[in-house]
Amino acid sequence: MKLTEKQLRKIIAEALDLDLEKGDVILTGRFKNKRTVVKDIGVDDLGQPTVNGMKALSFRIEKLMPKDKWSKKTKEELEEEK
């Protein structure tokens, strides 16, 4: 069975599920070390998911990482809450 591009995009869109919400912290940049807060989640003109207008597959979700790998600012915020 041969799939068309449109059918394939629909399958991929259904299969992609990010554990990401507005207000979450992600790490972006070349070395994935710049702390960024998610403002909006969308889709680009090719149907690929985007976060804050950038492609969604080039970041790390901080809440899913081990706590020792979190950014310094996030660790400080957790200490202030306690």
N, C-alpha and C. Protein backbone atom coordinates (compact mmCIF):
# COMPACT_ATOMS: atom_id res chain seq x y z
N MET A 1 0.84 -1.18 0.00
CA MET A 1 0.00 0.00 0.00
C MET A 1 0.89 1.24 0.00
N LYS A 2 0.63 2.13 -0.91
CA LYS A 2 1.42 3.34 -1.03
C LYS A 2 0.67 4.50 -0.38
N LEU A 3 1.37 5.25 0.51
CA LEU A 3 0.76 6.37 1.19
C LEU A 3 1.11 7.67 0.48
N THR A 4 0.15 8.55 0.41
CA THR A 4 0.44 9.87 -0.14
C THR A 4 1.04 10.73 0.96
N GLU A 5 1.61 11.86 0.58
CA GLU A 5 2.23 12.76 1.55
C GLU A 5 1.20 13.28 2.54
N LYS A 6 0.01 13.58 2.07
CA LYS A 6 -1.05 14.09 2.94
C LYS A 6 -1.44 13.04 3.99
N GLN A 7 -1.56 11.78 3.58
CA GLN A 7 -1.91 10.71 4.51
C GLN A 7 -0.81 10.51 5.54
N LEU A 8 0.44 10.59 5.09
CA LEU A 8 1.57 10.41 5.99
C LEU A 8 1.63 11.53 7.03
N ARG A 9 1.40 12.77 6.60
CA ARG A 9 1.39 13.90 7.54
C ARG A 9 0.30 13.73 8.59
N LYS A 10 -0.85 13.21 8.19
CA LYS A 10 -1.95 13.00 9.13
C LYS A 10 -1.57 11.96 10.17
N ILE A 11 -0.92 10.89 9.74
CA ILE A 11 -0.49 9.84 10.66
C ILE A 11 0.55 10.38 11.64
N ILE A 12 1.50 11.14 11.15
CA ILE A 12 2.55 11.70 12.00
C ILE A 12 1.95 12.70 12.99
N ALA A 13 1.03 13.53 12.53
CA ALA A 13 0.40 14.52 13.41
C ALA A 13 -0.36 13.84 14.55
N GLU A 14 -0.98 12.72 14.26
CA GLU A 14 -1.71 12.01 15.29
C GLU A 14 -0.77 11.32 16.26
N ALA A 15 0.38 10.87 15.79
CA ALA A 15 1.31 10.11 16.62
C ALA A 15 2.16 11.00 17.53
N LEU A 16 2.33 12.27 17.19
CA LEU A 16 3.18 13.16 17.94
C LEU A 16 2.42 13.74 19.13
N ASP A 17 2.87 13.42 20.33
CA ASP A 17 2.22 13.90 21.54
C ASP A 17 3.30 14.43 22.47
N LEU A 18 3.34 15.74 22.67
CA LEU A 18 4.34 16.35 23.53
C LEU A 18 3.76 16.59 24.92
N ASP A 19 4.54 16.28 25.92
CA ASP A 19 4.14 16.56 27.30
C ASP A 19 4.60 17.98 27.62
N LEU A 20 3.93 18.95 27.01
CA LEU A 20 4.36 20.34 27.08
C LEU A 20 3.14 21.24 27.14
N GLU A 21 3.18 22.21 28.04
CA GLU A 21 2.07 23.15 28.19
C GLU A 21 2.62 24.56 28.28
N LYS A 22 1.75 25.55 28.12
CA LYS A 22 2.17 26.94 28.27
C LYS A 22 2.67 27.14 29.69
N GLY A 23 3.79 27.86 29.81
CA GLY A 23 4.38 28.11 31.11
C GLY A 23 5.48 27.14 31.48
N ASP A 24 5.62 26.02 30.76
CA ASP A 24 6.70 25.08 31.03
C ASP A 24 8.03 25.68 30.62
N VAL A 25 9.10 25.17 31.19
CA VAL A 25 10.45 25.64 30.87
C VAL A 25 11.11 24.62 29.96
N ILE A 26 11.70 25.10 28.85
CA ILE A 26 12.46 24.24 27.95
C ILE A 26 13.85 24.81 27.80
N LEU A 27 14.79 23.98 27.40
CA LEU A 27 16.16 24.41 27.18
C LEU A 27 16.41 24.43 25.67
N THR A 28 16.80 25.59 25.14
CA THR A 28 17.00 25.76 23.72
C THR A 28 18.42 26.22 23.43
N GLY A 29 18.69 26.48 22.19
CA GLY A 29 20.00 26.97 21.78
C GLY A 29 20.87 25.86 21.24
N ARG A 30 22.04 26.23 20.77
CA ARG A 30 22.94 25.27 20.16
C ARG A 30 23.32 24.14 21.12
N PHE A 31 23.58 24.48 22.36
CA PHE A 31 24.00 23.48 23.34
C PHE A 31 22.87 23.11 24.30
N LYS A 32 21.65 23.51 24.00
CA LYS A 32 20.46 23.23 24.80
C LYS A 32 20.66 23.67 26.24
N ASN A 33 21.14 24.91 26.42
CA ASN A 33 21.39 25.41 27.76
C ASN A 33 20.76 26.77 28.03
N LYS A 34 19.99 27.30 27.10
CA LYS A 34 19.32 28.58 27.29
C LYS A 34 17.89 28.33 27.77
N ARG A 35 17.57 28.84 28.94
CA ARG A 35 16.25 28.63 29.55
C ARG A 35 15.21 29.48 28.84
N THR A 36 14.10 28.85 28.39
CA THR A 36 13.03 29.54 27.69
C THR A 36 11.69 29.07 28.24
N VAL A 37 10.77 30.00 28.45
CA VAL A 37 9.42 29.67 28.92
C VAL A 37 8.51 29.56 27.70
N VAL A 38 7.69 28.51 27.65
CA VAL A 38 6.79 28.27 26.53
C VAL A 38 5.65 29.29 26.58
N LYS A 39 5.50 30.05 25.49
CA LYS A 39 4.42 31.04 25.39
C LYS A 39 3.30 30.55 24.49
N ASP A 40 3.67 29.89 23.39
CA ASP A 40 2.64 29.35 22.50
C ASP A 40 3.16 28.10 21.79
N ILE A 41 2.23 27.21 21.47
CA ILE A 41 2.52 25.98 20.75
C ILE A 41 1.70 26.02 19.47
N GLY A 42 2.35 25.79 18.35
CA GLY A 42 1.64 25.87 17.08
C GLY A 42 2.16 24.89 16.05
N VAL A 43 1.85 25.19 14.79
CA VAL A 43 2.26 24.36 13.67
C VAL A 43 2.77 25.29 12.57
N ASP A 44 3.89 24.92 11.94
CA ASP A 44 4.42 25.77 10.86
C ASP A 44 3.75 25.42 9.53
N ASP A 45 4.20 26.05 8.46
CA ASP A 45 3.56 25.86 7.15
C ASP A 45 3.76 24.45 6.59
N LEU A 46 4.70 23.69 7.14
CA LEU A 46 4.92 22.32 6.68
C LEU A 46 4.21 21.29 7.56
N GLY A 47 3.48 21.78 8.55
CA GLY A 47 2.75 20.88 9.43
C GLY A 47 3.57 20.38 10.61
N GLN A 48 4.78 20.91 10.80
CA GLN A 48 5.63 20.50 11.91
C GLN A 48 5.28 21.30 13.16
N PRO A 49 5.35 20.69 14.33
CA PRO A 49 5.03 21.41 15.57
C PRO A 49 6.08 22.47 15.88
N THR A 50 5.62 23.61 16.42
CA THR A 50 6.54 24.68 16.81
C THR A 50 6.23 25.12 18.24
N VAL A 51 7.27 25.61 18.91
CA VAL A 51 7.14 26.17 20.25
C VAL A 51 7.77 27.55 20.20
N ASN A 52 6.98 28.57 20.53
CA ASN A 52 7.43 29.96 20.45
C ASN A 52 7.96 30.30 19.06
N GLY A 53 7.41 29.69 18.03
CA GLY A 53 7.79 29.99 16.66
C GLY A 53 8.99 29.24 16.14
N MET A 54 9.63 28.38 16.95
CA MET A 54 10.78 27.62 16.47
C MET A 54 10.41 26.15 16.39
N LYS A 55 11.15 25.40 15.61
CA LYS A 55 10.82 24.00 15.43
C LYS A 55 10.87 23.27 16.76
N ALA A 56 9.95 22.37 16.96
CA ALA A 56 9.76 21.75 18.27
C ALA A 56 10.73 20.62 18.56
N LEU A 57 11.48 20.18 17.61
CA LEU A 57 12.37 19.06 17.86
C LEU A 57 13.79 19.49 18.18
N SER A 58 13.98 20.75 18.55
CA SER A 58 15.32 21.21 18.87
C SER A 58 15.37 21.85 20.26
N PHE A 59 14.79 21.17 21.24
CA PHE A 59 14.84 21.65 22.61
C PHE A 59 14.75 20.48 23.57
N ARG A 60 15.00 20.76 24.84
CA ARG A 60 14.84 19.76 25.89
C ARG A 60 13.78 20.26 26.86
N ILE A 61 12.93 19.37 27.32
CA ILE A 61 11.89 19.72 28.29
C ILE A 61 12.49 19.53 29.68
N GLU A 62 12.59 20.63 30.40
CA GLU A 62 13.31 20.60 31.67
C GLU A 62 12.65 19.70 32.71
N LYS A 63 11.32 19.69 32.78
CA LYS A 63 10.65 18.91 33.81
C LYS A 63 10.83 17.40 33.61
N LEU A 64 11.22 16.97 32.42
CA LEU A 64 11.44 15.55 32.15
C LEU A 64 12.89 15.13 32.35
N MET A 65 13.77 16.12 32.60
CA MET A 65 15.18 15.84 32.81
C MET A 65 15.44 15.54 34.28
N PRO A 66 16.57 14.87 34.61
CA PRO A 66 16.93 14.69 36.02
C PRO A 66 17.14 16.06 36.69
N LYS A 67 16.81 16.17 37.96
CA LYS A 67 16.87 17.46 38.65
C LYS A 67 18.27 18.05 38.68
N ASP A 68 19.30 17.23 38.67
CA ASP A 68 20.66 17.78 38.69
C ASP A 68 21.05 18.43 37.36
N LYS A 69 20.28 18.21 36.31
CA LYS A 69 20.55 18.81 35.00
C LYS A 69 19.72 20.07 34.76
N TRP A 70 18.83 20.45 35.71
CA TRP A 70 17.99 21.62 35.55
C TRP A 70 18.83 22.88 35.58
N SER A 71 18.30 23.98 35.02
CA SER A 71 19.01 25.26 35.02
C SER A 71 19.09 25.81 36.45
N LYS A 72 20.09 26.65 36.67
CA LYS A 72 20.32 27.23 37.99
C LYS A 72 19.13 28.04 38.46
N LYS A 73 18.51 28.80 37.55
CA LYS A 73 17.38 29.65 37.91
C LYS A 73 16.19 28.81 38.38
N THR A 74 15.93 27.69 37.72
CA THR A 74 14.82 26.83 38.12
C THR A 74 15.08 26.24 39.50
N LYS A 75 16.30 25.82 39.76
CA LYS A 75 16.64 25.28 41.07
C LYS A 75 16.44 26.34 42.16
N GLU A 76 16.82 27.59 41.87
CA GLU A 76 16.64 28.67 42.83
C GLU A 76 15.16 28.93 43.09
N GLU A 77 14.33 28.89 42.04
CA GLU A 77 12.89 29.08 42.20
C GLU A 77 12.28 27.99 43.07
N LEU A 78 12.76 26.75 42.93
CA LEU A 78 12.25 25.66 43.76
C LEU A 78 12.62 25.88 45.23
N GLU A 79 13.81 26.37 45.48
CA GLU A 79 14.25 26.64 46.85
C GLU A 79 13.42 27.75 47.49
N GLU A 80 13.05 28.77 46.70
CA GLU A 80 12.25 29.88 47.21
C GLU A 80 10.84 29.43 47.59
N GLU A 81 10.30 28.45 46.85
CA GLU A 81 8.95 27.96 47.12
C GLU A 81 8.88 27.18 48.42
N LYS A 82 9.98 26.57 48.82
CA LYS A 82 9.99 25.75 50.04
C LYS A 82 10.01 26.56 51.29
